[in-house]
Amino acid sequence: MHQLIIQYAFLLAIILFVVMLAQKIRVAYPILLVIAGLALSFLPILRNIEIEPELIFVIFLPPLLYEAAWNTSWKDFWKWRRVISSFAFPIVILTSSIVALISRSLIPGFTWALGFLLGGIISPPDAVSASAILKSVKVPKRLTTIIEGESLLNDASSLVVFRFALAAVMTGSFVFSKAAGNFVLVIVMGILIGIAVALVFYALHRWLPTTTNIDIILTFLTPYVMYITAEEFGFSGVLAVVSGGLFLSARRDQILTHRSRLQGINVWEAVAFVLNGFVFLLIGLEFPVIIRGLGTDGLWPAIRYSAIICFVLIVTRFASTYGALYFTRFISRFITTADPNPNLKAPLLFGWAGMRGVVSLAAALSIPIALKSGEAFPQHNLILFITFSVILVTLVLQGLTLPALIKWVDMPDPDYTVSFEQQKQMVRKKLSMLSLKILDEKYHEALLHNDMIRSIKIRLEAEMELLRDWEKEENISRSEGFYHDYRVALEDIMAEQRILLKGLNKKEQINDELIREQLELLDLEEEKLRRHFS
């Protein structure tokens, strides 16, 4: 037990170091973590680390999916629902079918069931690695939305394909009509169970006297209850978490206080960061174990099969993205679409952003060692090797080259002709105008004799004047310098205020709790400053 704790503490320290290094050299951290895992796998202290499949599926997957759903914009998700749905269901099935056909034709002893099993494992792209890369480069918002939305849903559909294929391998029988009906049932019931559980937690948050800590703990319980409930009834736990997460995310302002939202975001970001870090590092650590399982004779054929299947996956994704583009142009003649004439550059970027990750790893590792009859599971080590090879190749090859491709393509944002900074100023101006209107209409008398309320109006009028000054033609080009000077001045003031507060705290007559409260307010002010001028 002590050895295990030491190992995972060591891994956590490695994760922190690698992520800091990734930020320094401007590389997406999932890529560097996988490479670091490969390098560390040769250390004696880490050679015996084994990944329990149940840990990935039950402990890792629900919170990671829930956090992704919670941060997904329902407005953008709904706008691009047709494209997201097409990649989440039809294209996952198409990819699984092509992988099944190629692997059955290519690999001796591979059956249709094993082919669909492999297809279900490696068909879903991973949003974590793609999002980490897209944050560091300028890319149209729609691309990020579609990639993240696709990943949320295709995780579920690919795992349903995987489940039916695994059942066919284990039992030796497969009835297409029955499987097709069950496929729809598993998806629909998974969504309904997720929403039903979400309604229960909605009621708990909304009508019980919860505190901030209780709210945060309830948000951690939610994905596990959704996932386990759906899986217990034989339906899609992944879709339950995704649908329930989207439902509650859209209603977060109704069910959580401002403090619960602020603290909850910070806690969830830290937890998701650690979980993702462990998963990507463990991918690299586990790969040499799988190589040893293949043996010397089976390694070179496995490398050849993996290279061919990686190539097939990349080509299939490009064919699907461009197919979706031309289909959208055609169908736009008959129905209203979000974009009737998509840019030809978008499928190129979208197609190259098909890195595999957490879900593929979890599915591959959950394959049992033996069949119910006691015989060894057919092609077990080979399926694991191909899966890990696909994850490595797509993460390293596509992940490292995607930023350069984005800069080379230089795709303009077709949805937002007004810059993000201009949108921010417009929203702040509207908020200030509304606030001044409320003060003049509802607090006119109080403004005459209440200095504190009058100070609100003075601050808002000063902000409005500042915004008007920034909108002048001669100041637009200088606005970046204004922001920098403003931020530096405020940061300097807040730093000196902290020094003063710490000095005051040394005096006996000053309450320590009061000082902590003021320091916390400064932290909130600094966060507000960062969000306004980041």
Protein backbone atom coordinates (compact mmCIF):
# COMPACT_ATOMS: atom_id res chain seq x y z
CA MET A 1 0.00 0.00 0.00
CA HIS A 2 2.81 2.39 0.95
CA GLN A 3 4.60 1.50 -2.30
CA LEU A 4 1.46 2.35 -4.31
CA ILE A 5 1.06 5.70 -2.55
CA ILE A 6 4.72 6.55 -3.21
CA GLN A 7 4.34 5.61 -6.88
CA TYR A 8 1.28 7.80 -7.43
CA ALA A 9 2.76 10.69 -5.45
CA PHE A 10 5.82 10.45 -7.70
CA LEU A 11 3.57 10.38 -10.79
CA LEU A 12 1.69 13.46 -9.57
CA ALA A 13 4.98 15.33 -9.15
CA ILE A 14 5.98 14.26 -12.68
CA ILE A 15 2.64 15.49 -14.06
CA LEU A 16 3.11 18.92 -12.49
CA PHE A 17 6.67 19.19 -13.81
CA VAL A 18 5.72 18.05 -17.34
CA VAL A 19 2.75 20.44 -17.55
CA MET A 20 4.95 23.36 -16.47
CA LEU A 21 7.50 22.31 -19.10
CA ALA A 22 4.72 22.07 -21.72
CA GLN A 23 3.64 25.64 -20.92
CA LYS A 24 7.24 26.80 -21.17
CA ILE A 25 7.88 25.27 -24.60
CA ARG A 26 4.25 25.90 -25.79
CA VAL A 27 3.27 22.29 -26.44
CA ALA A 28 -0.11 20.80 -25.49
CA TYR A 29 0.44 18.97 -22.19
CA PRO A 30 -1.30 15.65 -23.18
CA ILE A 31 1.36 15.12 -25.87
CA LEU A 32 4.27 15.72 -23.51
CA LEU A 33 2.69 13.56 -20.78
CA VAL A 34 2.42 10.56 -23.12
CA ILE A 35 6.05 10.97 -24.21
CA ALA A 36 7.12 11.36 -20.57
CA GLY A 37 5.19 8.21 -19.66
CA LEU A 38 7.07 6.26 -22.32
CA ALA A 39 10.42 7.52 -21.02
CA LEU A 40 9.52 6.83 -17.39
CA SER A 41 8.28 3.30 -18.09
CA PHE A 42 11.91 2.08 -18.02
CA LEU A 43 12.38 3.16 -14.39
CA PRO A 44 12.23 0.16 -11.99
CA ILE A 45 9.91 1.97 -9.55
CA LEU A 46 7.26 2.42 -12.27
CA ARG A 47 7.54 -0.87 -14.16
CA ASN A 48 4.89 -2.68 -12.14
CA ILE A 49 2.16 -0.06 -12.37
CA GLU A 50 -1.02 -1.64 -13.74
CA ILE A 51 -4.16 0.20 -14.81
CA GLU A 52 -7.41 -1.25 -13.50
CA PRO A 53 -10.10 -0.91 -16.22
CA GLU A 54 -12.75 -0.23 -13.57
CA LEU A 55 -10.71 2.76 -12.38
CA ILE A 56 -10.77 4.30 -15.86
CA PHE A 57 -14.45 3.67 -16.54
CA VAL A 58 -16.00 4.25 -13.11
CA ILE A 59 -13.59 6.67 -11.40
CA PHE A 60 -12.03 8.65 -14.26
CA LEU A 61 -14.63 8.74 -17.03
CA PRO A 62 -17.78 10.16 -15.32
CA PRO A 63 -16.16 13.28 -13.80
CA LEU A 64 -14.14 14.00 -16.97
CA LEU A 65 -17.25 13.78 -19.15
CA TYR A 66 -19.30 15.81 -16.68
CA GLU A 67 -16.69 18.55 -16.50
CA ALA A 68 -16.58 18.70 -20.31
CA ALA A 69 -20.40 18.85 -20.53
CA TRP A 70 -20.53 21.51 -17.79
CA ASN A 71 -18.15 23.76 -19.76
CA THR A 72 -19.95 23.25 -23.08
CA SER A 73 -22.05 26.16 -24.33
CA TRP A 74 -25.61 24.88 -24.89
CA LYS A 75 -26.24 27.84 -27.21
CA ASP A 76 -23.32 26.90 -29.49
CA PHE A 77 -24.00 23.17 -29.09
CA TRP A 78 -27.58 23.62 -30.30
CA LYS A 79 -26.51 25.88 -33.17
CA TRP A 80 -24.18 23.20 -34.56
CA ARG A 81 -26.30 20.21 -33.46
CA ARG A 82 -26.62 18.71 -36.96
CA VAL A 83 -22.86 18.63 -37.62
CA ILE A 84 -22.13 17.39 -34.09
CA SER A 85 -24.81 14.67 -34.32
CA SER A 86 -23.57 13.49 -37.71
CA PHE A 87 -20.04 12.98 -36.35
CA ALA A 88 -21.32 11.53 -33.10
CA PHE A 89 -23.44 8.73 -34.56
CA PRO A 90 -23.36 8.02 -38.35
CA ILE A 91 -19.65 8.75 -38.75
CA VAL A 92 -18.70 6.73 -35.67
CA ILE A 93 -20.60 3.76 -37.12
CA LEU A 94 -19.01 4.36 -40.56
CA THR A 95 -15.51 4.55 -39.03
CA SER A 96 -16.11 1.40 -36.96
CA SER A 97 -17.33 -0.44 -40.06
CA ILE A 98 -14.32 0.59 -42.16
CA VAL A 99 -11.91 -0.40 -39.39
CA ALA A 100 -13.74 -3.74 -39.05
CA LEU A 101 -13.48 -4.37 -42.81
CA ILE A 102 -9.79 -3.45 -43.03
CA SER A 103 -8.72 -5.33 -39.89
CA ARG A 104 -10.66 -8.47 -40.88
CA SER A 105 -9.06 -8.43 -44.35
CA LEU A 106 -5.59 -7.55 -43.06
CA ILE A 107 -5.08 -9.51 -39.83
CA PRO A 108 -5.16 -13.31 -39.84
CA GLY A 109 -7.76 -14.69 -37.43
CA PHE A 110 -9.62 -11.39 -37.05
CA THR A 111 -13.42 -11.87 -37.14
CA TRP A 112 -16.11 -9.27 -37.88
CA ALA A 113 -16.87 -9.05 -34.15
CA LEU A 114 -13.22 -8.36 -33.31
CA GLY A 115 -13.08 -5.81 -36.13
CA PHE A 116 -16.08 -3.90 -34.78
CA LEU A 117 -14.63 -4.18 -31.28
CA LEU A 118 -11.43 -2.49 -32.46
CA GLY A 119 -13.45 0.05 -34.49
CA GLY A 120 -15.55 0.99 -31.45
CA ILE A 121 -12.40 1.46 -29.39
CA ILE A 122 -10.44 3.73 -31.74
CA SER A 123 -13.22 5.68 -33.50
CA PRO A 124 -13.85 8.50 -30.94
CA PRO A 125 -11.49 11.53 -31.01
CA ASP A 126 -10.48 13.05 -27.68
CA ALA A 127 -11.53 16.64 -26.92
CA VAL A 128 -9.05 17.17 -24.08
CA SER A 129 -5.94 17.11 -26.24
CA ALA A 130 -7.61 19.06 -29.07
CA SER A 131 -8.89 21.73 -26.67
CA ALA A 132 -5.46 22.06 -25.05
CA ILE A 133 -3.95 22.74 -28.48
CA LEU A 134 -6.71 25.07 -29.70
CA LYS A 135 -6.37 27.30 -26.61
CA SER A 136 -2.87 28.31 -27.67
CA VAL A 137 -3.77 29.36 -31.23
CA LYS A 138 -6.34 31.61 -32.88
CA VAL A 139 -9.08 29.46 -34.34
CA PRO A 140 -12.78 30.07 -35.20
CA LYS A 141 -15.09 29.46 -32.24
CA ARG A 142 -17.30 27.12 -34.29
CA LEU A 143 -14.39 24.70 -34.80
CA THR A 144 -13.77 24.39 -31.05
CA THR A 145 -17.50 23.97 -30.37
CA ILE A 146 -17.93 21.22 -32.97
CA ILE A 147 -14.81 19.33 -31.84
CA GLU A 148 -15.84 19.44 -28.16
CA GLY A 149 -19.49 18.62 -28.92
CA GLU A 150 -18.51 15.77 -31.22
CA SER A 151 -16.25 14.29 -28.56
CA LEU A 152 -18.98 14.43 -25.93
CA LEU A 153 -21.44 12.42 -28.02
CA ASN A 154 -19.19 10.12 -30.03
CA ASP A 155 -17.65 8.79 -26.82
CA ALA A 156 -21.09 7.38 -26.04
CA SER A 157 -21.87 6.00 -29.50
CA SER A 158 -18.45 4.37 -29.88
CA LEU A 159 -18.77 2.68 -26.47
CA VAL A 160 -22.19 1.33 -27.49
CA VAL A 161 -20.60 -0.19 -30.63
CA PHE A 162 -17.83 -1.54 -28.40
CA ARG A 163 -20.35 -3.06 -25.96
CA PHE A 164 -22.27 -4.97 -28.66
CA ALA A 165 -19.08 -6.14 -30.37
CA LEU A 166 -17.65 -7.36 -27.04
CA ALA A 167 -20.88 -9.26 -26.33
CA ALA A 168 -20.65 -10.88 -29.78
CA VAL A 169 -17.05 -12.00 -29.13
CA MET A 170 -17.89 -13.33 -25.66
CA THR A 171 -21.03 -15.25 -26.76
CA GLY A 172 -20.00 -16.09 -30.32
CA SER A 173 -23.33 -14.87 -31.77
CA PHE A 174 -24.52 -11.61 -33.30
CA VAL A 175 -27.99 -10.75 -34.64
CA PHE A 176 -27.94 -7.45 -36.56
CA SER A 177 -31.66 -6.59 -36.24
CA LYS A 178 -31.60 -7.15 -32.49
CA ALA A 179 -28.35 -5.19 -32.10
CA ALA A 180 -29.70 -2.26 -34.15
CA GLY A 181 -32.82 -2.04 -31.98
CA ASN A 182 -30.79 -2.29 -28.79
CA PHE A 183 -28.39 0.37 -30.08
CA VAL A 184 -31.23 2.92 -30.30
CA LEU A 185 -32.69 1.80 -26.95
CA VAL A 186 -29.36 2.08 -25.14
CA ILE A 187 -28.83 5.62 -26.48
CA VAL A 188 -32.36 6.93 -25.85
CA MET A 189 -32.67 5.42 -22.38
CA GLY A 190 -29.18 6.63 -21.45
CA ILE A 191 -30.23 10.20 -22.30
CA LEU A 192 -33.54 9.89 -20.41
CA ILE A 193 -31.87 8.45 -17.29
CA GLY A 194 -29.28 11.24 -17.34
CA ILE A 195 -32.00 13.90 -17.49
CA ALA A 196 -34.07 12.12 -14.79
CA VAL A 197 -31.11 12.01 -12.39
CA ALA A 198 -30.30 15.63 -13.29
CA LEU A 199 -33.85 16.63 -12.28
CA VAL A 200 -33.34 14.98 -8.88
CA PHE A 201 -30.10 16.88 -8.28
CA TYR A 202 -31.72 20.05 -9.63
CA ALA A 203 -34.35 19.72 -6.89
CA LEU A 204 -31.70 19.03 -4.23
CA HIS A 205 -29.71 22.13 -5.16
CA ARG A 206 -32.78 24.33 -5.65
CA TRP A 207 -34.94 23.55 -2.65
CA LEU A 208 -32.71 22.16 0.09
CA PRO A 209 -30.74 24.51 2.41
CA THR A 210 -27.36 23.62 0.89
CA THR A 211 -24.08 25.38 1.63
CA THR A 212 -21.19 26.00 -0.77
CA ASN A 213 -19.38 22.84 0.34
CA ILE A 214 -22.54 20.75 0.03
CA ASP A 215 -23.18 22.14 -3.46
CA ILE A 216 -19.66 21.21 -4.60
CA ILE A 217 -19.89 17.71 -3.12
CA LEU A 218 -23.27 17.21 -4.82
CA THR A 219 -21.73 18.18 -8.17
CA PHE A 220 -19.13 15.44 -7.65
CA LEU A 221 -21.79 12.87 -6.77
CA THR A 222 -23.94 13.77 -9.78
CA PRO A 223 -21.87 12.19 -12.62
CA TYR A 224 -21.29 8.99 -10.66
CA VAL A 225 -25.02 8.56 -9.90
CA MET A 226 -25.88 9.22 -13.55
CA TYR A 227 -23.26 6.82 -14.88
CA ILE A 228 -23.82 3.97 -12.42
CA THR A 229 -27.65 4.19 -12.63
CA ALA A 230 -27.64 3.98 -16.42
CA GLU A 231 -25.07 1.17 -16.50
CA GLU A 232 -26.95 -0.84 -13.87
CA PHE A 233 -29.97 -0.91 -16.17
CA GLY A 234 -27.81 -1.81 -19.18
CA PHE A 235 -27.94 1.60 -20.89
CA SER A 236 -25.29 4.16 -21.87
CA GLY A 237 -23.73 5.66 -18.75
CA VAL A 238 -21.67 8.01 -20.90
CA LEU A 239 -24.74 9.54 -22.57
CA ALA A 240 -26.45 9.77 -19.18
CA VAL A 241 -23.55 11.88 -17.85
CA VAL A 242 -23.38 14.03 -20.98
CA SER A 243 -27.13 14.72 -21.23
CA GLY A 244 -27.51 15.30 -17.50
CA GLY A 245 -24.42 17.52 -17.42
CA LEU A 246 -25.69 19.69 -20.28
CA PHE A 247 -29.12 19.95 -18.59
CA LEU A 248 -27.68 21.15 -15.26
CA SER A 249 -25.01 23.34 -16.86
CA ALA A 250 -27.67 25.40 -18.64
CA ARG A 251 -29.38 25.96 -15.25
CA ARG A 252 -26.34 26.61 -13.06
CA ASP A 253 -27.48 30.17 -12.25
CA GLN A 254 -30.77 28.82 -10.88
CA ILE A 255 -29.33 26.10 -8.64
CA LEU A 256 -25.97 27.44 -7.42
CA THR A 257 -25.06 30.56 -5.47
CA HIS A 258 -22.33 32.87 -6.72
CA ARG A 259 -19.91 31.42 -4.14
CA SER A 260 -20.75 27.83 -5.14
CA ARG A 261 -20.14 28.68 -8.79
CA LEU A 262 -16.81 30.42 -8.14
CA GLN A 263 -15.40 27.80 -5.78
CA GLY A 264 -16.88 24.90 -7.76
CA ILE A 265 -15.17 26.02 -10.98
CA ASN A 266 -11.79 26.16 -9.24
CA VAL A 267 -12.21 22.75 -7.61
CA TRP A 268 -13.43 21.09 -10.81
CA GLU A 269 -10.62 22.55 -12.90
CA ALA A 270 -8.04 21.16 -10.48
CA VAL A 271 -9.66 17.71 -10.32
CA ALA A 272 -10.07 17.44 -14.10
CA PHE A 273 -6.47 18.55 -14.57
CA VAL A 274 -5.14 15.82 -12.24
CA LEU A 275 -7.36 13.07 -13.71
CA ASN A 276 -6.42 13.95 -17.29
CA GLY A 277 -2.76 14.15 -16.30
CA PHE A 278 -2.81 10.66 -14.79
CA VAL A 279 -4.59 9.14 -17.79
CA PHE A 280 -2.22 10.55 -20.41
CA LEU A 281 0.86 9.67 -18.35
CA LEU A 282 -0.43 6.13 -17.81
CA ILE A 283 -0.90 5.70 -21.57
CA GLY A 284 2.85 6.10 -22.02
CA LEU A 285 3.68 3.97 -18.97
CA GLU A 286 1.53 1.05 -20.12
CA PHE A 287 2.73 0.88 -23.73
CA PRO A 288 5.99 -1.07 -23.06
CA VAL A 289 3.99 -3.62 -21.00
CA ILE A 290 1.80 -4.29 -24.06
CA ILE A 291 4.87 -4.60 -26.30
CA ARG A 292 6.31 -7.23 -23.97
CA GLY A 293 2.98 -9.10 -24.14
CA LEU A 294 3.23 -9.34 -27.94
CA GLY A 295 6.67 -10.88 -27.91
CA THR A 296 9.44 -10.41 -30.49
CA ASP A 297 7.72 -12.38 -33.25
CA GLY A 298 4.44 -10.50 -33.02
CA LEU A 299 5.86 -6.99 -32.72
CA TRP A 300 6.75 -6.17 -36.34
CA PRO A 301 3.45 -7.42 -37.82
CA ALA A 302 1.63 -5.44 -35.09
CA ILE A 303 3.53 -2.28 -36.06
CA ARG A 304 2.55 -2.80 -39.72
CA TYR A 305 -1.13 -3.37 -38.85
CA SER A 306 -1.12 -0.29 -36.59
CA ALA A 307 0.42 1.95 -39.28
CA ILE A 308 -2.18 0.85 -41.86
CA ILE A 309 -5.09 1.33 -39.45
CA CYS A 310 -3.79 4.76 -38.38
CA PHE A 311 -3.64 5.77 -42.04
CA VAL A 312 -7.16 4.44 -42.62
CA LEU A 313 -8.51 6.38 -39.61
CA ILE A 314 -6.98 9.67 -40.78
CA VAL A 315 -8.22 9.21 -44.37
CA THR A 316 -11.71 8.21 -43.17
CA ARG A 317 -11.94 11.29 -40.97
CA PHE A 318 -10.92 13.60 -43.82
CA ALA A 319 -13.41 11.89 -46.15
CA SER A 320 -16.11 12.35 -43.49
CA THR A 321 -15.35 16.02 -42.87
CA TYR A 322 -15.38 16.93 -46.55
CA GLY A 323 -18.41 14.70 -47.10
CA ALA A 324 -20.22 16.60 -44.33
CA LEU A 325 -19.28 19.90 -46.00
CA TYR A 326 -20.69 18.97 -49.41
CA PHE A 327 -23.76 17.36 -47.85
CA THR A 328 -24.40 20.58 -45.90
CA ARG A 329 -24.17 22.63 -49.10
CA PHE A 330 -26.63 20.26 -50.79
CA ILE A 331 -29.15 19.95 -47.95
CA SER A 332 -29.12 23.74 -47.36
CA ARG A 333 -31.23 24.06 -50.51
CA PHE A 334 -34.09 22.32 -48.71
CA ILE A 335 -33.69 23.11 -44.98
CA THR A 336 -32.24 25.93 -42.90
CA THR A 337 -28.69 25.22 -41.69
CA ALA A 338 -26.35 27.17 -39.40
CA ASP A 339 -23.97 27.77 -42.33
CA PRO A 340 -25.27 26.94 -45.84
CA ASN A 341 -21.86 27.45 -47.46
CA PRO A 342 -19.08 26.22 -45.13
CA ASN A 343 -15.50 27.30 -45.75
CA LEU A 344 -13.31 24.64 -47.43
CA LYS A 345 -10.60 25.28 -44.83
CA ALA A 346 -12.76 24.10 -41.92
CA PRO A 347 -12.81 20.36 -42.84
CA LEU A 348 -9.01 20.41 -43.22
CA LEU A 349 -8.54 21.64 -39.65
CA PHE A 350 -11.38 19.53 -38.28
CA GLY A 351 -10.06 16.43 -40.01
CA TRP A 352 -6.56 16.84 -38.60
CA ALA A 353 -7.90 17.41 -35.06
CA GLY A 354 -8.83 13.74 -34.64
CA MET A 355 -6.49 12.79 -31.79
CA ARG A 356 -7.50 9.74 -29.72
CA GLY A 357 -7.24 9.59 -25.94
CA VAL A 358 -9.01 8.73 -22.70
CA VAL A 359 -12.07 6.85 -23.95
CA SER A 360 -10.08 4.67 -26.35
CA LEU A 361 -7.68 3.82 -23.53
CA ALA A 362 -10.52 2.95 -21.13
CA ALA A 363 -12.32 0.74 -23.66
CA ALA A 364 -9.17 -1.16 -24.67
CA LEU A 365 -8.12 -1.85 -21.10
CA SER A 366 -11.60 -3.11 -20.18
CA ILE A 367 -11.31 -6.09 -22.56
CA PRO A 368 -11.26 -9.24 -20.42
CA ILE A 369 -8.25 -11.54 -20.47
CA ALA A 370 -10.38 -14.66 -21.05
CA LEU A 371 -13.74 -15.68 -22.53
CA LYS A 372 -16.52 -17.17 -20.41
CA SER A 373 -15.38 -20.61 -21.53
CA GLY A 374 -11.97 -19.97 -19.97
CA GLU A 375 -10.15 -19.66 -23.29
CA ALA A 376 -7.86 -16.69 -23.83
CA PHE A 377 -9.56 -13.63 -25.38
CA PRO A 378 -8.64 -13.70 -29.10
CA GLN A 379 -6.08 -11.11 -30.27
CA HIS A 380 -6.11 -9.42 -26.86
CA ASN A 381 -2.55 -8.06 -26.91
CA LEU A 382 -2.75 -7.07 -30.57
CA ILE A 383 -5.94 -5.01 -30.01
CA LEU A 384 -4.25 -3.26 -27.07
CA PHE A 385 -1.12 -2.58 -29.14
CA ILE A 386 -3.09 -1.14 -32.08
CA THR A 387 -5.14 1.05 -29.72
CA PHE A 388 -2.11 2.44 -27.92
CA SER A 389 -0.32 2.97 -31.25
CA VAL A 390 -3.29 4.94 -32.60
CA ILE A 391 -3.37 7.10 -29.45
CA LEU A 392 0.40 7.72 -29.64
CA VAL A 393 0.54 8.46 -33.37
CA THR A 394 -2.49 10.75 -33.44
CA LEU A 395 -1.47 12.60 -30.28
CA VAL A 396 2.16 13.12 -31.24
CA LEU A 397 1.92 13.47 -35.04
CA GLN A 398 -1.36 15.37 -35.33
CA GLY A 399 -1.05 17.13 -31.99
CA LEU A 400 2.39 18.59 -32.66
CA THR A 401 1.56 19.68 -36.23
CA LEU A 402 -2.00 21.01 -35.67
CA PRO A 403 -0.89 24.50 -34.44
CA ALA A 404 1.34 24.94 -37.51
CA LEU A 405 -1.51 23.80 -39.79
CA ILE A 406 -3.92 26.28 -38.14
CA LYS A 407 -1.47 29.15 -38.67
CA TRP A 408 -0.79 28.08 -42.28
CA VAL A 409 -4.51 27.80 -43.15
CA ASP A 410 -5.27 31.11 -41.36
CA MET A 411 -9.02 30.63 -41.36
CA PRO A 412 -11.01 33.78 -40.49
CA ASP A 413 -13.83 33.53 -37.96
CA PRO A 414 -17.02 33.68 -40.06
CA ASP A 415 -19.35 33.99 -37.05
CA TYR A 416 -17.83 36.93 -35.16
CA THR A 417 -16.93 39.88 -37.38
CA VAL A 418 -16.56 42.02 -34.24
CA SER A 419 -13.42 41.19 -32.26
CA PHE A 420 -13.64 39.55 -28.83
CA GLU A 421 -12.29 42.72 -27.20
CA GLN A 422 -14.91 44.88 -28.94
CA GLN A 423 -17.65 42.48 -27.84
CA LYS A 424 -16.37 42.70 -24.26
CA GLN A 425 -16.43 46.51 -24.34
CA MET A 426 -19.94 46.51 -25.82
CA VAL A 427 -21.25 44.18 -23.08
CA ARG A 428 -19.59 46.26 -20.33
CA LYS A 429 -21.10 49.43 -21.83
CA LYS A 430 -24.59 47.91 -21.86
CA LEU A 431 -24.19 46.75 -18.25
CA SER A 432 -23.11 50.23 -17.16
CA MET A 433 -26.01 51.86 -19.06
CA LEU A 434 -28.51 49.50 -17.41
CA SER A 435 -27.02 50.19 -13.97
CA LEU A 436 -27.24 53.98 -14.45
CA LYS A 437 -30.83 53.67 -15.66
CA ILE A 438 -31.78 51.68 -12.52
CA LEU A 439 -30.11 54.26 -10.26
CA ASP A 440 -31.88 57.19 -11.95
CA GLU A 441 -35.32 55.54 -12.03
CA LYS A 442 -35.47 53.61 -8.75
CA TYR A 443 -32.99 55.40 -6.50
CA HIS A 444 -33.38 59.03 -7.56
CA GLU A 445 -34.15 60.24 -4.02
CA ALA A 446 -31.38 58.16 -2.46
CA LEU A 447 -28.86 59.71 -4.85
CA LEU A 448 -29.52 63.13 -3.31
CA HIS A 449 -28.61 62.22 0.27
CA ASN A 450 -26.86 58.80 0.28
CA ASP A 451 -23.15 59.20 -0.45
CA MET A 452 -22.58 55.43 -0.86
CA ILE A 453 -25.25 55.13 -3.58
CA ARG A 454 -23.92 58.30 -5.20
CA SER A 455 -20.46 56.70 -5.30
CA ILE A 456 -21.90 53.85 -7.40
CA LYS A 457 -23.15 56.36 -9.96
CA ILE A 458 -19.84 58.23 -10.02
CA ARG A 459 -17.95 54.96 -10.65
CA LEU A 460 -20.34 53.89 -13.42
CA GLU A 461 -20.21 57.29 -15.13
CA ALA A 462 -16.41 57.20 -15.00
CA GLU A 463 -16.41 53.75 -16.58
CA MET A 464 -18.82 54.92 -19.31
CA GLU A 465 -16.58 57.88 -20.06
CA LEU A 466 -13.57 55.59 -20.25
CA LEU A 467 -15.37 53.23 -22.65
CA ARG A 468 -16.43 56.15 -24.85
CA ASP A 469 -12.85 57.40 -24.92
CA TRP A 470 -11.57 53.97 -26.01
CA GLU A 471 -14.11 53.90 -28.86
CA LYS A 472 -12.66 57.04 -30.49
CA GLU A 473 -10.86 56.38 -33.76
CA GLU A 474 -7.56 57.88 -32.61
CA ASN A 475 -7.52 55.68 -29.48
CA ILE A 476 -8.37 52.30 -31.03
CA SER A 477 -4.78 51.66 -32.14
CA ARG A 478 -3.53 52.72 -28.70
CA SER A 479 -6.07 50.65 -26.73
CA GLU A 480 -3.64 47.78 -26.17
CA GLY A 481 -1.23 50.17 -24.47
CA PHE A 482 -4.12 51.58 -22.39
CA TYR A 483 -5.07 48.08 -21.21
CA HIS A 484 -1.48 47.27 -20.31
CA ASP A 485 -0.91 50.48 -18.31
CA TYR A 486 -4.28 50.14 -16.57
CA ARG A 487 -3.59 46.52 -15.60
CA VAL A 488 -0.05 47.27 -14.39
CA ALA A 489 -1.23 50.21 -12.27
CA LEU A 490 -4.00 48.20 -10.61
CA GLU A 491 -1.72 45.22 -9.99
CA ASP A 492 0.83 47.56 -8.38
CA ILE A 493 -1.86 49.11 -6.15
CA MET A 494 -3.20 45.71 -5.09
CA ALA A 495 0.31 44.43 -4.31
CA GLU A 496 0.92 47.42 -2.02
CA GLN A 497 -2.52 46.94 -0.42
CA ARG A 498 -1.58 43.35 0.42
CA ILE A 499 1.65 44.53 2.07
CA LEU A 500 -0.32 47.07 4.10
CA LEU A 501 -2.89 44.46 5.20
CA LYS A 502 -0.18 42.03 6.31
CA GLY A 503 1.46 44.82 8.27
CA LEU A 504 -1.85 45.73 9.96
CA ASN A 505 -2.40 42.09 10.82
CA LYS A 506 0.66 42.16 13.12
CA LYS A 507 -1.13 44.59 15.42
CA GLU A 508 -2.98 43.03 18.34
CA GLN A 509 -6.06 45.25 18.04
CA ILE A 510 -6.76 44.20 14.42
CA ASN A 511 -8.93 41.11 13.93
CA ASP A 512 -7.20 38.46 11.79
CA GLU A 513 -10.53 37.46 10.23
CA LEU A 514 -11.06 40.99 8.94
CA ILE A 515 -7.64 40.97 7.26
CA ARG A 516 -8.36 37.60 5.62
CA GLU A 517 -11.66 38.94 4.33
CA GLN A 518 -9.97 41.97 2.76
CA LEU A 519 -7.28 39.78 1.19
CA GLU A 520 -9.99 37.56 -0.28
CA LEU A 521 -11.70 40.63 -1.76
CA LEU A 522 -8.37 41.63 -3.32
CA ASP A 523 -8.08 38.13 -4.81
CA LEU A 524 -11.55 38.49 -6.34
CA GLU A 525 -10.64 41.93 -7.68
CA GLU A 526 -7.46 40.53 -9.23
CA GLU A 527 -9.42 37.69 -10.84
CA LYS A 528 -11.92 40.22 -12.21
CA LEU A 529 -9.02 42.24 -13.62
CA ARG A 530 -7.51 39.14 -15.22
CA ARG A 531 -10.81 38.18 -16.86
CA HIS A 532 -11.43 41.71 -18.14
CA PHE A 533 -8.00 42.15 -19.68
CA SER A 534 -6.80 38.63 -20.49
